[in-house]
Amino acid sequence: MNPKQLACVVLMMFIGLVTYFAQTVHQKVTAMKKSAAMAEQDAIAAESSRQTAEILTARVKAESEEIRRFLQAWTPYVDKAQTEQEVEGIIEFSLRERGITLVRSRKTELKVARENKIIPKSVLTTLVIEDEYAKVMNWLGDVEKRLPLARVKTCRITGGSTARQLRLDVSLETPLINLSEMPASTKSKKKA
């Protein structure tokens, strides 16, 4: 081979190498552009999901505002009576404080409701009281104030043994609420 032919072969090899490297670089750039475009689309989708979640959160917050305020207002009362002994103690203290000594009978029983996880137990207190009209009625109001969650199941008022006395047969059901069983969304909002 003469030098001109050799120079042409070397030049052709050089051009071939440059073309090969150019194609390789072009393929890498194309792959990077495609990857960048996909990442940009993913970012747009994630931003859209974030905005949707933010709107949903705001809507749920607005819809549950009344319930959250209610729960916040009633939580101290729920915490006040968490056991059967606490309910009995509140009723006993109220009787002593109001000066009612003629308690004819008193019965307390614990009712268990396994299907209801928020209110798993309730205390049913049955009392027969006989004392002055004002004392008995004030006592009933005092119990209502101290145990606002208590429900009066039965209440029968009759005349007592004297003209000034009143006989009250009352059954109170006080729920023992388990706030730890509240739905997770409510708990997290309560803490916030």
N, C-alpha and C. Protein backbone atom coordinates (compact mmCIF):
# COMPACT_ATOMS: atom_id res chain seq x y z
N MET A 1 0.83 -1.16 0.00
CA MET A 1 0.00 0.00 0.00
C MET A 1 0.88 1.24 0.00
N ASN A 2 0.39 2.14 -0.76
CA ASN A 2 1.17 3.37 -0.81
C ASN A 2 0.70 4.29 0.31
N PRO A 3 1.42 5.34 0.56
CA PRO A 3 1.10 6.20 1.68
C PRO A 3 -0.26 6.88 1.53
N LYS A 4 -0.71 7.18 0.32
CA LYS A 4 -2.01 7.83 0.15
C LYS A 4 -3.13 6.88 0.56
N GLN A 5 -3.00 5.64 0.18
CA GLN A 5 -4.02 4.66 0.54
C GLN A 5 -4.03 4.42 2.05
N LEU A 6 -2.86 4.37 2.61
CA LEU A 6 -2.75 4.18 4.05
C LEU A 6 -3.38 5.38 4.79
N ALA A 7 -3.15 6.58 4.30
CA ALA A 7 -3.72 7.78 4.91
C ALA A 7 -5.24 7.73 4.80
N CYS A 8 -5.76 7.26 3.65
CA CYS A 8 -7.21 7.15 3.46
C CYS A 8 -7.80 6.14 4.44
N VAL A 9 -7.13 5.00 4.63
CA VAL A 9 -7.62 3.97 5.56
C VAL A 9 -7.61 4.51 6.99
N VAL A 10 -6.55 5.20 7.38
CA VAL A 10 -6.47 5.78 8.73
C VAL A 10 -7.57 6.82 8.90
N LEU A 11 -7.78 7.67 7.87
CA LEU A 11 -8.82 8.70 7.93
C LEU A 11 -10.19 8.05 8.04
N MET A 12 -10.44 6.98 7.28
CA MET A 12 -11.72 6.28 7.32
C MET A 12 -11.94 5.65 8.72
N MET A 13 -10.87 5.10 9.30
CA MET A 13 -10.99 4.53 10.64
C MET A 13 -11.29 5.63 11.66
N PHE A 14 -10.65 6.77 11.52
CA PHE A 14 -10.87 7.90 12.42
C PHE A 14 -12.32 8.38 12.30
N ILE A 15 -12.80 8.51 11.05
CA ILE A 15 -14.19 8.95 10.83
C ILE A 15 -15.15 7.90 11.41
N GLY A 16 -14.86 6.64 11.24
CA GLY A 16 -15.70 5.56 11.79
C GLY A 16 -15.76 5.62 13.32
N LEU A 17 -14.59 5.83 13.96
CA LEU A 17 -14.56 5.94 15.43
C LEU A 17 -15.35 7.16 15.90
N VAL A 18 -15.17 8.29 15.21
CA VAL A 18 -15.90 9.51 15.60
C VAL A 18 -17.40 9.27 15.45
N THR A 19 -17.81 8.63 14.35
CA THR A 19 -19.23 8.35 14.13
C THR A 19 -19.76 7.40 15.21
N TYR A 20 -18.98 6.38 15.55
CA TYR A 20 -19.39 5.42 16.59
C TYR A 20 -19.58 6.13 17.93
N PHE A 21 -18.60 6.95 18.33
CA PHE A 21 -18.71 7.68 19.60
C PHE A 21 -19.87 8.67 19.56
N ALA A 22 -20.08 9.31 18.42
CA ALA A 22 -21.19 10.26 18.29
C ALA A 22 -22.53 9.54 18.46
N GLN A 23 -22.66 8.37 17.86
CA GLN A 23 -23.91 7.61 18.00
C GLN A 23 -24.11 7.15 19.44
N THR A 24 -23.06 6.71 20.09
CA THR A 24 -23.15 6.28 21.48
C THR A 24 -23.58 7.45 22.37
N VAL A 25 -22.93 8.60 22.17
CA VAL A 25 -23.28 9.79 22.97
C VAL A 25 -24.72 10.20 22.67
N HIS A 26 -25.14 10.15 21.41
CA HIS A 26 -26.50 10.52 21.03
C HIS A 26 -27.52 9.59 21.70
N GLN A 27 -27.24 8.28 21.75
CA GLN A 27 -28.14 7.33 22.40
C GLN A 27 -28.24 7.61 23.90
N LYS A 28 -27.10 7.93 24.52
CA LYS A 28 -27.12 8.23 25.96
C LYS A 28 -27.90 9.51 26.23
N VAL A 29 -27.71 10.53 25.38
CA VAL A 29 -28.44 11.80 25.54
C VAL A 29 -29.93 11.57 25.37
N THR A 30 -30.31 10.76 24.37
CA THR A 30 -31.72 10.45 24.13
C THR A 30 -32.32 9.72 25.34
N ALA A 31 -31.59 8.76 25.88
CA ALA A 31 -32.06 8.03 27.06
C ALA A 31 -32.20 8.96 28.26
N MET A 32 -31.24 9.88 28.43
CA MET A 32 -31.30 10.83 29.55
C MET A 32 -32.49 11.79 29.38
N LYS A 33 -32.73 12.25 28.13
CA LYS A 33 -33.87 13.13 27.88
C LYS A 33 -35.18 12.41 28.18
N LYS A 34 -35.26 11.15 27.76
CA LYS A 34 -36.47 10.35 28.01
C LYS A 34 -36.66 10.17 29.52
N SER A 35 -35.57 9.88 30.23
CA SER A 35 -35.63 9.71 31.69
C SER A 35 -36.05 11.02 32.37
N ALA A 36 -35.50 12.14 31.89
CA ALA A 36 -35.85 13.45 32.46
C ALA A 36 -37.33 13.76 32.20
N ALA A 37 -37.82 13.44 31.01
CA ALA A 37 -39.23 13.68 30.69
C ALA A 37 -40.14 12.83 31.58
N MET A 38 -39.76 11.56 31.80
CA MET A 38 -40.55 10.69 32.66
C MET A 38 -40.53 11.19 34.11
N ALA A 39 -39.35 11.65 34.56
CA ALA A 39 -39.25 12.19 35.92
C ALA A 39 -40.10 13.44 36.07
N GLU A 40 -40.13 14.26 35.03
CA GLU A 40 -40.95 15.47 35.06
C GLU A 40 -42.43 15.11 35.11
N GLN A 41 -42.84 14.10 34.34
CA GLN A 41 -44.23 13.65 34.37
C GLN A 41 -44.59 13.08 35.75
N ASP A 42 -43.66 12.32 36.33
CA ASP A 42 -43.89 11.78 37.67
C ASP A 42 -44.02 12.90 38.70
N ALA A 43 -43.18 13.94 38.55
CA ALA A 43 -43.25 15.08 39.47
C ALA A 43 -44.58 15.80 39.33
N ILE A 44 -45.06 15.96 38.09
CA ILE A 44 -46.35 16.61 37.87
C ILE A 44 -47.47 15.76 38.48
N ALA A 45 -47.40 14.44 38.28
CA ALA A 45 -48.41 13.54 38.86
C ALA A 45 -48.38 13.58 40.38
N ALA A 46 -47.17 13.61 40.96
CA ALA A 46 -47.05 13.67 42.42
C ALA A 46 -47.59 14.99 42.95
N GLU A 47 -47.33 16.07 42.26
CA GLU A 47 -47.85 17.38 42.67
C GLU A 47 -49.37 17.39 42.60
N SER A 48 -49.90 16.79 41.55
CA SER A 48 -51.36 16.70 41.41
C SER A 48 -51.95 15.86 42.53
N SER A 49 -51.31 14.75 42.86
CA SER A 49 -51.78 13.91 43.97
C SER A 49 -51.69 14.66 45.30
N ARG A 50 -50.63 15.41 45.49
CA ARG A 50 -50.48 16.19 46.72
C ARG A 50 -51.59 17.22 46.84
N GLN A 51 -51.89 17.92 45.74
CA GLN A 51 -52.95 18.92 45.77
C GLN A 51 -54.31 18.28 46.04
N THR A 52 -54.54 17.12 45.42
CA THR A 52 -55.79 16.40 45.65
C THR A 52 -55.91 15.98 47.12
N ALA A 53 -54.82 15.46 47.67
CA ALA A 53 -54.82 15.05 49.08
C ALA A 53 -55.02 16.26 49.99
N GLU A 54 -54.43 17.37 49.64
CA GLU A 54 -54.57 18.60 50.43
C GLU A 54 -56.03 19.07 50.42
N ILE A 55 -56.65 19.02 49.26
CA ILE A 55 -58.06 19.42 49.14
C ILE A 55 -58.94 18.46 49.95
N LEU A 56 -58.66 17.16 49.84
CA LEU A 56 -59.42 16.17 50.59
C LEU A 56 -59.24 16.36 52.10
N THR A 57 -58.02 16.63 52.52
CA THR A 57 -57.75 16.88 53.94
C THR A 57 -58.51 18.10 54.43
N ALA A 58 -58.50 19.17 53.63
CA ALA A 58 -59.22 20.38 54.02
C ALA A 58 -60.72 20.10 54.11
N ARG A 59 -61.25 19.32 53.17
CA ARG A 59 -62.68 19.01 53.19
C ARG A 59 -63.04 18.17 54.41
N VAL A 60 -62.23 17.14 54.69
CA VAL A 60 -62.50 16.29 55.85
C VAL A 60 -62.39 17.10 57.14
N LYS A 61 -61.40 17.99 57.19
CA LYS A 61 -61.23 18.84 58.37
C LYS A 61 -62.45 19.73 58.58
N ALA A 62 -62.96 20.31 57.48
CA ALA A 62 -64.13 21.17 57.58
C ALA A 62 -65.37 20.36 57.97
N GLU A 63 -65.52 19.16 57.41
CA GLU A 63 -66.68 18.33 57.71
C GLU A 63 -66.65 17.80 59.14
N SER A 64 -65.48 17.57 59.68
CA SER A 64 -65.38 16.99 61.02
C SER A 64 -65.13 18.04 62.11
N GLU A 65 -65.16 19.30 61.76
CA GLU A 65 -64.88 20.36 62.74
C GLU A 65 -65.84 20.28 63.92
N GLU A 66 -67.11 20.12 63.64
CA GLU A 66 -68.11 20.08 64.70
C GLU A 66 -67.89 18.87 65.61
N ILE A 67 -67.59 17.73 65.00
CA ILE A 67 -67.35 16.52 65.79
C ILE A 67 -66.09 16.67 66.64
N ARG A 68 -65.05 17.27 66.06
CA ARG A 68 -63.81 17.45 66.82
C ARG A 68 -64.02 18.42 67.98
N ARG A 69 -64.79 19.49 67.77
CA ARG A 69 -65.08 20.41 68.88
C ARG A 69 -65.90 19.71 69.96
N PHE A 70 -66.87 18.90 69.53
CA PHE A 70 -67.69 18.15 70.48
C PHE A 70 -66.82 17.21 71.31
N LEU A 71 -65.94 16.47 70.64
CA LEU A 71 -65.05 15.54 71.34
C LEU A 71 -64.13 16.28 72.30
N GLN A 72 -63.61 17.42 71.86
CA GLN A 72 -62.71 18.20 72.72
C GLN A 72 -63.46 18.71 73.95
N ALA A 73 -64.72 19.11 73.77
CA ALA A 73 -65.48 19.63 74.90
C ALA A 73 -65.87 18.53 75.89
N TRP A 74 -66.14 17.33 75.40
CA TRP A 74 -66.62 16.25 76.26
C TRP A 74 -65.53 15.35 76.80
N THR A 75 -64.32 15.45 76.32
CA THR A 75 -63.23 14.59 76.79
C THR A 75 -63.01 14.70 78.31
N PRO A 76 -63.03 15.89 78.92
CA PRO A 76 -62.85 15.95 80.38
C PRO A 76 -63.94 15.17 81.15
N TYR A 77 -65.17 15.20 80.65
CA TYR A 77 -66.25 14.47 81.32
C TYR A 77 -66.07 12.96 81.16
N VAL A 78 -65.58 12.56 79.99
CA VAL A 78 -65.33 11.14 79.75
C VAL A 78 -64.21 10.66 80.67
N ASP A 79 -63.17 11.47 80.82
CA ASP A 79 -62.04 11.09 81.67
C ASP A 79 -62.41 11.06 83.15
N LYS A 80 -63.46 11.78 83.53
CA LYS A 80 -63.85 11.87 84.94
C LYS A 80 -64.34 10.53 85.48
N ALA A 81 -65.07 9.76 84.68
CA ALA A 81 -65.63 8.49 85.15
C ALA A 81 -65.21 7.38 84.20
N GLN A 82 -64.12 6.70 84.55
CA GLN A 82 -63.59 5.63 83.70
C GLN A 82 -63.73 4.24 84.31
N THR A 83 -64.10 4.17 85.59
CA THR A 83 -64.27 2.86 86.23
C THR A 83 -65.57 2.84 87.02
N GLU A 84 -65.98 1.66 87.39
CA GLU A 84 -67.20 1.48 88.18
C GLU A 84 -67.06 2.17 89.54
N GLN A 85 -65.87 2.08 90.13
CA GLN A 85 -65.64 2.70 91.44
C GLN A 85 -65.74 4.23 91.36
N GLU A 86 -65.25 4.81 90.28
CA GLU A 86 -65.33 6.27 90.13
C GLU A 86 -66.78 6.72 90.03
N VAL A 87 -67.59 6.00 89.28
CA VAL A 87 -69.02 6.34 89.15
C VAL A 87 -69.69 6.22 90.51
N GLU A 88 -69.46 5.11 91.22
CA GLU A 88 -70.03 4.94 92.56
C GLU A 88 -69.57 6.05 93.50
N GLY A 89 -68.30 6.40 93.41
CA GLY A 89 -67.76 7.47 94.27
C GLY A 89 -68.42 8.81 94.00
N ILE A 90 -68.65 9.12 92.74
CA ILE A 90 -69.30 10.39 92.40
C ILE A 90 -70.72 10.42 92.95
N ILE A 91 -71.46 9.33 92.80
CA ILE A 91 -72.83 9.29 93.31
C ILE A 91 -72.84 9.34 94.83
N GLU A 92 -71.94 8.60 95.48
CA GLU A 92 -71.85 8.60 96.94
C GLU A 92 -71.50 10.00 97.47
N PHE A 93 -70.53 10.64 96.83
CA PHE A 93 -70.13 11.99 97.24
C PHE A 93 -71.29 12.97 97.09
N SER A 94 -72.03 12.84 96.01
CA SER A 94 -73.17 13.72 95.78
C SER A 94 -74.25 13.51 96.84
N LEU A 95 -74.49 12.25 97.22
CA LEU A 95 -75.47 11.97 98.28
C LEU A 95 -75.04 12.59 99.61
N ARG A 96 -73.76 12.42 99.95
CA ARG A 96 -73.26 12.98 101.20
C ARG A 96 -73.29 14.50 101.18
N GLU A 97 -72.89 15.08 100.05
CA GLU A 97 -72.83 16.53 99.95
C GLU A 97 -74.23 17.16 100.06
N ARG A 98 -75.23 16.50 99.51
CA ARG A 98 -76.60 17.02 99.56
C ARG A 98 -77.32 16.66 100.86
N GLY A 99 -76.69 15.86 101.70
CA GLY A 99 -77.26 15.52 103.00
C GLY A 99 -78.41 14.53 102.92
N ILE A 100 -78.41 13.68 101.92
CA ILE A 100 -79.47 12.67 101.79
C ILE A 100 -79.01 11.42 102.53
N THR A 101 -79.76 11.10 103.58
CA THR A 101 -79.37 9.96 104.41
C THR A 101 -80.33 8.79 104.28
N LEU A 102 -81.52 9.03 103.79
CA LEU A 102 -82.52 7.97 103.70
C LEU A 102 -82.47 7.28 102.34
N VAL A 103 -81.39 6.55 102.13
CA VAL A 103 -81.27 5.76 100.91
C VAL A 103 -81.84 4.38 101.23
N ARG A 104 -82.99 4.07 100.65
CA ARG A 104 -83.66 2.80 100.94
C ARG A 104 -82.91 1.62 100.34
N SER A 105 -82.47 1.76 99.11
CA SER A 105 -81.70 0.66 98.50
C SER A 105 -80.79 1.23 97.43
N ARG A 106 -79.71 0.52 97.22
CA ARG A 106 -78.73 0.92 96.20
C ARG A 106 -78.16 -0.35 95.58
N LYS A 107 -78.12 -0.34 94.25
CA LYS A 107 -77.57 -1.50 93.55
C LYS A 107 -76.78 -0.97 92.35
N THR A 108 -75.57 -1.51 92.20
CA THR A 108 -74.72 -1.12 91.07
C THR A 108 -74.26 -2.38 90.36
N GLU A 109 -74.42 -2.37 89.04
CA GLU A 109 -73.94 -3.52 88.26
C GLU A 109 -73.22 -3.02 87.02
N LEU A 110 -72.27 -3.81 86.59
CA LEU A 110 -71.47 -3.48 85.41
C LEU A 110 -72.00 -4.26 84.22
N LYS A 111 -72.38 -3.54 83.17
CA LYS A 111 -72.86 -4.19 81.94
C LYS A 111 -71.74 -4.13 80.90
N VAL A 112 -71.47 -5.27 80.26
CA VAL A 112 -70.40 -5.36 79.26
C VAL A 112 -71.02 -5.53 77.88
N ALA A 113 -70.55 -4.71 76.92
CA ALA A 113 -70.99 -4.81 75.52
C ALA A 113 -69.76 -5.06 74.67
N ARG A 114 -69.52 -6.30 74.33
CA ARG A 114 -68.30 -6.67 73.60
C ARG A 114 -68.28 -6.15 72.16
N GLU A 115 -69.45 -5.97 71.55
CA GLU A 115 -69.47 -5.54 70.15
C GLU A 115 -69.16 -4.04 70.00
N ASN A 116 -69.32 -3.27 71.04
CA ASN A 116 -69.06 -1.83 70.97
C ASN A 116 -67.71 -1.55 71.61
N LYS A 117 -66.70 -1.25 70.79
CA LYS A 117 -65.35 -1.05 71.32
C LYS A 117 -65.17 0.33 71.95
N ILE A 118 -65.94 1.32 71.53
CA ILE A 118 -65.81 2.66 72.10
C ILE A 118 -66.48 2.73 73.47
N ILE A 119 -67.63 2.08 73.62
CA ILE A 119 -68.31 2.02 74.92
C ILE A 119 -68.42 0.54 75.31
N PRO A 120 -67.31 -0.05 75.80
CA PRO A 120 -67.33 -1.49 76.09
C PRO A 120 -68.09 -1.84 77.37
N LYS A 121 -68.22 -0.88 78.28
CA LYS A 121 -68.88 -1.15 79.56
C LYS A 121 -69.77 0.02 79.93
N SER A 122 -70.76 -0.27 80.75
CA SER A 122 -71.57 0.79 81.33
C SER A 122 -71.95 0.36 82.75
N VAL A 123 -72.13 1.34 83.60
CA VAL A 123 -72.47 1.09 85.00
C VAL A 123 -73.94 1.43 85.19
N LEU A 124 -74.72 0.46 85.62
CA LEU A 124 -76.14 0.67 85.88
C LEU A 124 -76.32 0.79 87.39
N THR A 125 -76.73 1.98 87.83
CA THR A 125 -76.92 2.25 89.25
C THR A 125 -78.40 2.44 89.51
N THR A 126 -78.95 1.68 90.43
CA THR A 126 -80.36 1.79 90.78
C THR A 126 -80.44 2.24 92.24
N LEU A 127 -81.16 3.33 92.47
CA LEU A 127 -81.28 3.90 93.82
C LEU A 127 -82.74 4.12 94.16
N VAL A 128 -83.06 3.95 95.44
CA VAL A 128 -84.36 4.34 95.97
C VAL A 128 -84.06 5.30 97.12
N ILE A 129 -84.45 6.55 96.94
CA ILE A 129 -84.13 7.60 97.90
C ILE A 129 -85.43 8.17 98.44
N GLU A 130 -85.43 8.47 99.73
CA GLU A 130 -86.59 9.12 100.33
C GLU A 130 -86.07 10.23 101.24
N ASP A 131 -86.41 11.45 100.86
CA ASP A 131 -85.99 12.61 101.66
C ASP A 131 -86.86 13.79 101.24
N GLU A 132 -86.52 14.98 101.74
CA GLU A 132 -87.28 16.18 101.40
C GLU A 132 -87.25 16.43 99.90
N TYR A 133 -88.33 17.00 99.40
CA TYR A 133 -88.50 17.23 97.97
C TYR A 133 -87.32 18.01 97.38
N ALA A 134 -86.96 19.13 98.01
CA ALA A 134 -85.89 19.98 97.47
C ALA A 134 -84.55 19.24 97.47
N LYS A 135 -84.26 18.50 98.52
CA LYS A 135 -82.99 17.77 98.59
C LYS A 135 -82.89 16.73 97.47
N VAL A 136 -83.97 15.99 97.26
CA VAL A 136 -83.96 14.92 96.26
C VAL A 136 -83.82 15.51 94.86
N MET A 137 -84.58 16.54 94.56
CA MET A 137 -84.52 17.13 93.22
C MET A 137 -83.17 17.81 92.98
N ASN A 138 -82.63 18.48 93.99
CA ASN A 138 -81.30 19.09 93.85
C ASN A 138 -80.23 18.01 93.68
N TRP A 139 -80.38 16.89 94.38
CA TRP A 139 -79.43 15.79 94.22
C TRP A 139 -79.45 15.26 92.79
N LEU A 140 -80.65 15.08 92.23
CA LEU A 140 -80.76 14.58 90.86
C LEU A 140 -80.10 15.55 89.87
N GLY A 141 -80.30 16.85 90.08
CA GLY A 141 -79.63 17.85 89.24
C GLY A 141 -78.12 17.82 89.42
N ASP A 142 -77.67 17.60 90.66
CA ASP A 142 -76.23 17.54 90.93
C ASP A 142 -75.60 16.32 90.25
N VAL A 143 -76.28 15.19 90.28
CA VAL A 143 -75.76 13.99 89.60
C VAL A 143 -75.68 14.24 88.10
N GLU A 144 -76.69 14.91 87.57
CA GLU A 144 -76.69 15.22 86.14
C GLU A 144 -75.51 16.13 85.78
N LYS A 145 -75.17 17.04 86.70
CA LYS A 145 -74.04 17.94 86.46
C LYS A 145 -72.71 17.20 86.57
N ARG A 146 -72.59 16.30 87.53
CA ARG A 146 -71.34 15.58 87.75
C ARG A 146 -71.12 14.45 86.75
N LEU A 147 -72.19 13.82 86.31
CA LEU A 147 -72.12 12.73 85.33
C LEU A 147 -73.00 13.08 84.12
N PRO A 148 -72.57 14.03 83.30
CA PRO A 148 -73.42 14.45 82.18
C PRO A 148 -73.63 13.37 81.12
N LEU A 149 -72.79 12.35 81.10
CA LEU A 149 -72.97 11.27 80.13
C LEU A 149 -73.96 10.21 80.62
N ALA A 150 -74.34 10.29 81.89
CA ALA A 150 -75.26 9.31 82.45
C ALA A 150 -76.65 9.50 81.85
N ARG A 151 -77.32 8.37 81.63
CA ARG A 151 -78.66 8.38 81.06
C ARG A 151 -79.61 7.87 82.13
N VAL A 152 -80.71 8.59 82.32
CA VAL A 152 -81.72 8.15 83.27
C VAL A 152 -82.59 7.12 82.55
N LYS A 153 -82.47 5.86 82.98
CA LYS A 153 -83.26 4.79 82.34
C LYS A 153 -84.68 4.75 82.89
N THR A 154 -84.80 4.83 84.20
CA THR A 154 -86.13 4.89 84.82
C THR A 154 -86.09 5.93 85.92
N CYS A 155 -87.21 6.61 86.07
CA CYS A 155 -87.33 7.60 87.14
C CYS A 155 -88.79 7.62 87.57
N ARG A 156 -89.03 7.25 88.81
CA ARG A 156 -90.39 7.24 89.33
C ARG A 156 -90.40 8.06 90.62
N ILE A 157 -91.25 9.05 90.63
CA ILE A 157 -91.35 9.93 91.80
C ILE A 157 -92.72 9.71 92.43
N THR A 158 -92.69 9.39 93.72
CA THR A 158 -93.95 9.20 94.46
C THR A 158 -93.82 9.92 95.80
N GLY A 159 -94.92 10.00 96.50
CA GLY A 159 -94.91 10.63 97.81
C GLY A 159 -94.15 9.78 98.81
N GLY A 160 -93.55 10.44 99.77
CA GLY A 160 -92.77 9.73 100.78
C GLY A 160 -93.62 9.36 101.98
N SER A 161 -92.95 9.03 103.07
CA SER A 161 -93.65 8.60 104.28
C SER A 161 -94.29 9.78 105.01
N THR A 162 -93.78 11.00 104.80
CA THR A 162 -94.42 12.19 105.36
C THR A 162 -94.80 13.12 104.21
N ALA A 163 -95.52 14.18 104.55
CA ALA A 163 -96.01 15.10 103.51
C ALA A 163 -94.87 15.85 102.83
N ARG A 164 -93.79 16.12 103.53
CA ARG A 164 -92.67 16.89 102.96
C ARG A 164 -91.67 16.01 102.23
N GLN A 165 -91.82 14.71 102.34
CA GLN A 165 -90.83 13.82 101.74
C GLN A 165 -91.28 13.32 100.38
N LEU A 166 -90.27 12.91 99.64
CA LEU A 166 -90.46 12.43 98.28
C LEU A 166 -89.69 11.14 98.13
N ARG A 167 -90.28 10.20 97.44
CA ARG A 167 -89.58 8.93 97.17
C ARG A 167 -89.20 8.92 95.69
N LEU A 168 -87.92 8.68 95.43
CA LEU A 168 -87.41 8.68 94.06
C LEU A 168 -86.79 7.32 93.77
N ASP A 169 -87.37 6.62 92.79
CA ASP A 169 -86.78 5.37 92.29
C ASP A 169 -86.13 5.73 90.96
N VAL A 170 -84.80 5.64 90.90
CA VAL A 170 -84.10 6.07 89.68
C VAL A 170 -83.04 5.04 89.30
N SER A 171 -82.92 4.83 87.99
CA SER A 171 -81.85 3.98 87.44
C SER A 171 -81.03 4.83 86.49
N LEU A 172 -79.74 4.92 86.76
CA LEU A 172 -78.82 5.70 85.93
C LEU A 172 -77.86 4.75 85.22
N GLU A 173 -77.71 4.94 83.93
CA GLU A 173 -76.73 4.15 83.17
C GLU A 173 -75.62 5.10 82.73
N THR A 174 -74.41 4.84 83.22
CA THR A 174 -73.26 5.68 82.91
C THR A 174 -72.30 4.90 82.01
N PRO A 175 -72.08 5.38 80.78
CA PRO A 175 -71.15 4.66 79.89
C PRO A 175 -69.71 4.90 80.31
N LEU A 176 -68.91 3.86 80.22
CA LEU A 176 -67.46 3.97 80.46
C LEU A 176 -66.81 3.96 79.08
N ILE A 177 -66.50 5.14 78.59
CA ILE A 177 -66.03 5.30 77.21
C ILE A 177 -64.53 5.06 77.14
N ASN A 178 -64.13 4.30 76.12
CA ASN A 178 -62.72 3.98 75.89
C ASN A 178 -62.23 4.83 74.72
N LEU A 179 -61.62 5.98 75.00
CA LEU A 179 -61.17 6.88 73.93
C LEU A 179 -60.00 6.32 73.14
N SER A 180 -59.32 5.32 73.68
CA SER A 180 -58.20 4.74 72.92
C SER A 180 -58.69 3.93 71.73
N GLU A 181 -59.97 3.59 71.68
CA GLU A 181 -60.53 2.84 70.56
C GLU A 181 -61.13 3.75 69.49
N MET A 182 -60.94 5.07 69.64
CA MET A 182 -61.45 5.99 68.62
C MET A 182 -60.71 5.74 67.31
N PRO A 183 -61.35 6.03 66.17
CA PRO A 183 -60.66 5.88 64.88
C PRO A 183 -59.38 6.68 64.83
N ALA A 184 -58.40 6.17 64.10
CA ALA A 184 -57.08 6.79 64.05
C ALA A 184 -57.13 8.22 63.55
N SER A 185 -57.97 8.53 62.60
CA SER A 185 -58.01 9.88 62.05
C SER A 185 -58.45 10.87 63.11
N THR A 186 -59.38 10.48 63.96
CA THR A 186 -59.83 11.36 65.01
C THR A 186 -58.74 11.58 66.03
N LYS A 187 -58.01 10.54 66.39
CA LYS A 187 -56.92 10.68 67.37
C LYS A 187 -55.85 11.62 66.85
N SER A 188 -55.45 11.47 65.59
CA SER A 188 -54.38 12.31 65.07
C SER A 188 -54.83 13.76 64.99
N LYS A 189 -56.08 14.00 64.68
CA LYS A 189 -56.58 15.38 64.62
C LYS A 189 -56.69 15.96 66.01
N LYS A 190 -57.04 15.10 66.97
CA LYS A 190 -57.15 15.56 68.34
C LYS A 190 -55.80 16.02 68.87
N LYS A 191 -54.73 15.32 68.52
CA LYS A 191 -53.39 15.68 68.98
C LYS A 191 -52.90 16.95 68.31
N ALA A 192 -53.32 17.20 67.09
CA ALA A 192 -52.83 18.36 66.33
C ALA A 192 -53.39 19.65 66.82
